[in-house]
Amino acid sequence: MAAAGMPREARLRRAADFDTLRQASGRSSGRCFILRYGNNEVGTARMGLAISKRVSKRAVDRNRLKRLARESFRRALPGLPPVDIVVTARTIALECSGAELLAELDELFAQVRPLKAAQPPGTIAG
């Protein structure tokens, strides 16, 4: 039986990719999570997780949030445009049930749209 995990090409792995999304990107937020996203040249959606010790000192809590985010992303992947997404959790997420967290993540992933391409600087072309 094949694993149902996230494929390697659907993960953000380089620090430069995370830094790019922190600088200039789209943003979508809910009660428990913040999504930052931006266009990529890969042709498929990729996700990275930024769930720090500020959310919880306990690794078991952080890992639970990561598992839920990965599962929601895996389900939403076929309908997502080619964007890079970073998921950040808020402390309030620890108080919510798994079903509530999945519902919020599903809603946030559904809101992700490709960003408009930046216009080159210069004069107006006619």
C-alpha atoms as a PDB file:
ATOM      1  CA  MET A   1       0.000   0.000   0.000  1.00  0.00           C
ATOM      2  CA  ALA A   2       1.348   3.434  -0.950  1.00  0.00           C
ATOM      3  CA  ALA A   3       1.873   6.056   1.708  1.00  0.00           C
ATOM      4  CA  ALA A   4      -0.628   8.924   1.754  1.00  0.00           C
ATOM      5  CA  GLY A   5       1.978  11.474   2.817  1.00  0.00           C
ATOM      6  CA  MET A   6       2.962  14.697   1.130  1.00  0.00           C
ATOM      7  CA  PRO A   7       5.177  14.217  -1.927  1.00  0.00           C
ATOM      8  CA  ARG A   8       8.643  15.743  -1.698  1.00  0.00           C
ATOM      9  CA  GLU A   9       7.945  18.190  -4.538  1.00  0.00           C
ATOM     10  CA  ALA A  10       5.003  19.609  -2.544  1.00  0.00           C
ATOM     11  CA  ARG A  11       7.176  20.742   0.388  1.00  0.00           C
ATOM     12  CA  LEU A  12       9.036  23.995   0.928  1.00  0.00           C
ATOM     13  CA  ARG A  13      12.499  23.056   2.117  1.00  0.00           C
ATOM     14  CA  ARG A  14      14.857  25.967   1.474  1.00  0.00           C
ATOM     15  CA  ALA A  15      15.173  28.864   3.907  1.00  0.00           C
ATOM     16  CA  ALA A  16      15.230  31.271   0.955  1.00  0.00           C
ATOM     17  CA  ASP A  17      11.726  30.147  -0.037  1.00  0.00           C
ATOM     18  CA  PHE A  18      10.427  30.871   3.470  1.00  0.00           C
ATOM     19  CA  ASP A  19      12.142  34.282   3.511  1.00  0.00           C
ATOM     20  CA  THR A  20      10.624  35.212   0.155  1.00  0.00           C
ATOM     21  CA  LEU A  21       7.133  34.529   1.474  1.00  0.00           C
ATOM     22  CA  ARG A  22       7.725  36.559   4.630  1.00  0.00           C
ATOM     23  CA  GLN A  23       8.687  39.608   2.582  1.00  0.00           C
ATOM     24  CA  ALA A  24       6.043  40.020  -0.117  1.00  0.00           C
ATOM     25  CA  SER A  25       3.122  37.675  -0.469  1.00  0.00           C
ATOM     26  CA  GLY A  26      -0.602  37.251  -0.133  1.00  0.00           C
ATOM     27  CA  ARG A  27      -2.074  36.633   3.271  1.00  0.00           C
ATOM     28  CA  SER A  28      -5.111  34.833   4.554  1.00  0.00           C
ATOM     29  CA  SER A  29      -5.856  34.403   8.224  1.00  0.00           C
ATOM     30  CA  GLY A  30      -8.348  32.763  10.480  1.00  0.00           C
ATOM     31  CA  ARG A  31      -8.786  32.373  14.204  1.00  0.00           C
ATOM     32  CA  CYS A  32      -6.081  29.703  14.590  1.00  0.00           C
ATOM     33  CA  PHE A  33      -3.848  29.916  11.506  1.00  0.00           C
ATOM     34  CA  ILE A  34      -2.191  32.428   9.196  1.00  0.00           C
ATOM     35  CA  LEU A  35      -1.354  31.517   5.601  1.00  0.00           C
ATOM     36  CA  ARG A  36       1.170  33.488   3.584  1.00  0.00           C
ATOM     37  CA  TYR A  37       1.420  32.642  -0.080  1.00  0.00           C
ATOM     38  CA  GLY A  38       3.081  33.720  -3.289  1.00  0.00           C
ATOM     39  CA  ASN A  39       3.421  32.486  -6.855  1.00  0.00           C
ATOM     40  CA  ASN A  40       6.062  29.922  -7.728  1.00  0.00           C
ATOM     41  CA  GLU A  41       7.663  28.713 -10.947  1.00  0.00           C
ATOM     42  CA  VAL A  42       7.420  25.005 -10.092  1.00  0.00           C
ATOM     43  CA  GLY A  43       3.938  24.491 -11.501  1.00  0.00           C
ATOM     44  CA  THR A  44       2.435  22.889  -8.392  1.00  0.00           C
ATOM     45  CA  ALA A  45       1.495  24.112  -4.932  1.00  0.00           C
ATOM     46  CA  ARG A  46       4.075  23.697  -2.156  1.00  0.00           C
ATOM     47  CA  MET A  47       3.639  24.134   1.597  1.00  0.00           C
ATOM     48  CA  GLY A  48       5.951  24.873   4.491  1.00  0.00           C
ATOM     49  CA  LEU A  49       5.173  24.946   8.194  1.00  0.00           C
ATOM     50  CA  ALA A  50       6.294  27.564  10.718  1.00  0.00           C
ATOM     51  CA  ILE A  51       4.955  26.387  14.050  1.00  0.00           C
ATOM     52  CA  SER A  52       7.292  27.665  16.725  1.00  0.00           C
ATOM     53  CA  LYS A  53       7.822  27.108  20.421  1.00  0.00           C
ATOM     54  CA  ARG A  54       5.934  30.339  21.027  1.00  0.00           C
ATOM     55  CA  VAL A  55       2.765  28.400  20.195  1.00  0.00           C
ATOM     56  CA  SER A  56       3.596  25.629  22.662  1.00  0.00           C
ATOM     57  CA  LYS A  57       6.690  24.457  24.464  1.00  0.00           C
ATOM     58  CA  ARG A  58       5.457  20.869  24.089  1.00  0.00           C
ATOM     59  CA  ALA A  59       6.578  19.146  20.893  1.00  0.00           C
ATOM     60  CA  VAL A  60       3.512  16.899  20.966  1.00  0.00           C
ATOM     61  CA  ASP A  61       1.241  19.944  20.596  1.00  0.00           C
ATOM     62  CA  ARG A  62       3.287  21.437  17.753  1.00  0.00           C
ATOM     63  CA  ASN A  63       3.438  18.088  15.949  1.00  0.00           C
ATOM     64  CA  ARG A  64      -0.349  17.697  16.196  1.00  0.00           C
ATOM     65  CA  LEU A  65      -0.837  21.070  14.504  1.00  0.00           C
ATOM     66  CA  LYS A  66       1.669  20.119  11.797  1.00  0.00           C
ATOM     67  CA  ARG A  67      -0.057  16.796  11.120  1.00  0.00           C
ATOM     68  CA  LEU A  68      -3.424  18.508  10.756  1.00  0.00           C
ATOM     69  CA  ALA A  69      -1.975  21.180   8.432  1.00  0.00           C
ATOM     70  CA  ARG A  70      -0.312  18.529   6.248  1.00  0.00           C
ATOM     71  CA  GLU A  71      -3.522  16.518   6.007  1.00  0.00           C
ATOM     72  CA  SER A  72      -5.592  19.547   5.040  1.00  0.00           C
ATOM     73  CA  PHE A  73      -3.004  20.582   2.439  1.00  0.00           C
ATOM     74  CA  ARG A  74      -2.836  17.074   0.991  1.00  0.00           C
ATOM     75  CA  ARG A  75      -6.614  17.070   0.498  1.00  0.00           C
ATOM     76  CA  ALA A  76      -6.627  20.586  -1.011  1.00  0.00           C
ATOM     77  CA  LEU A  77      -3.569  20.058  -3.264  1.00  0.00           C
ATOM     78  CA  PRO A  78      -5.413  19.075  -6.493  1.00  0.00           C
ATOM     79  CA  GLY A  79      -7.451  22.313  -6.425  1.00  0.00           C
ATOM     80  CA  LEU A  80      -4.650  24.710  -5.506  1.00  0.00           C
ATOM     81  CA  PRO A  81      -2.930  27.021  -8.022  1.00  0.00           C
ATOM     82  CA  PRO A  82       0.887  26.933  -8.355  1.00  0.00           C
ATOM     83  CA  VAL A  83       1.762  28.883  -5.204  1.00  0.00           C
ATOM     84  CA  ASP A  84       4.076  28.506  -2.239  1.00  0.00           C
ATOM     85  CA  ILE A  85       2.279  28.563   1.123  1.00  0.00           C
ATOM     86  CA  VAL A  86       3.616  28.952   4.656  1.00  0.00           C
ATOM     87  CA  VAL A  87       1.256  27.961   7.467  1.00  0.00           C
ATOM     88  CA  THR A  88       1.768  29.623  10.845  1.00  0.00           C
ATOM     89  CA  ALA A  89      -0.220  28.641  13.924  1.00  0.00           C
ATOM     90  CA  ARG A  90      -1.543  30.877  16.667  1.00  0.00           C
ATOM     91  CA  THR A  91      -1.606  29.906  20.342  1.00  0.00           C
ATOM     92  CA  ILE A  92      -5.404  29.689  20.329  1.00  0.00           C
ATOM     93  CA  ALA A  93      -5.120  26.645  18.034  1.00  0.00           C
ATOM     94  CA  LEU A  94      -4.196  24.491  21.036  1.00  0.00           C
ATOM     95  CA  GLU A  95      -7.663  24.986  22.510  1.00  0.00           C
ATOM     96  CA  CYS A  96      -9.563  23.874  19.384  1.00  0.00           C
ATOM     97  CA  SER A  97     -10.578  20.367  18.375  1.00  0.00           C
ATOM     98  CA  GLY A  98      -9.058  18.645  15.380  1.00  0.00           C
ATOM     99  CA  ALA A  99     -12.281  18.968  13.392  1.00  0.00           C
ATOM    100  CA  GLU A 100     -12.389  22.735  13.988  1.00  0.00           C
ATOM    101  CA  LEU A 101      -8.756  23.113  12.931  1.00  0.00           C
ATOM    102  CA  LEU A 102      -9.248  21.048   9.764  1.00  0.00           C
ATOM    103  CA  ALA A 103     -12.360  23.036   8.846  1.00  0.00           C
ATOM    104  CA  GLU A 104     -10.503  26.336   9.245  1.00  0.00           C
ATOM    105  CA  LEU A 105      -7.513  25.122   7.241  1.00  0.00           C
ATOM    106  CA  ASP A 106      -9.761  23.803   4.463  1.00  0.00           C
ATOM    107  CA  GLU A 107     -11.455  27.206   4.295  1.00  0.00           C
ATOM    108  CA  LEU A 108      -8.135  29.068   4.227  1.00  0.00           C
ATOM    109  CA  PHE A 109      -6.710  26.832   1.478  1.00  0.00           C
ATOM    110  CA  ALA A 110      -9.874  27.424  -0.563  1.00  0.00           C
ATOM    111  CA  GLN A 111      -9.203  31.197  -0.387  1.00  0.00           C
ATOM    112  CA  VAL A 112      -5.701  30.919  -1.889  1.00  0.00           C
ATOM    113  CA  ARG A 113      -5.501  32.489  -5.344  1.00  0.00           C
ATOM    114  CA  PRO A 114      -2.480  33.203  -7.561  1.00  0.00           C
ATOM    115  CA  LEU A 115      -1.093  36.704  -7.136  1.00  0.00           C
ATOM    116  CA  LYS A 116      -0.968  39.136 -10.019  1.00  0.00           C
ATOM    117  CA  ALA A 117       2.421  39.304 -11.698  1.00  0.00           C
ATOM    118  CA  ALA A 118       4.406  42.413 -10.866  1.00  0.00           C
ATOM    119  CA  GLN A 119       4.370  45.022 -13.626  1.00  0.00           C
ATOM    120  CA  PRO A 120       7.804  46.084 -14.831  1.00  0.00           C
ATOM    121  CA  PRO A 121       8.722  49.650 -13.868  1.00  0.00           C
ATOM    122  CA  GLY A 122       8.640  52.213 -16.649  1.00  0.00           C
ATOM    123  CA  THR A 123       6.310  54.318 -18.669  1.00  0.00           C
ATOM    124  CA  ILE A 124       2.823  53.407 -19.707  1.00  0.00           C
ATOM    125  CA  ALA A 125       2.850  51.447 -22.930  1.00  0.00           C
ATOM    126  CA  GLY A 126       0.106  52.148 -25.396  1.00  0.00           C
END
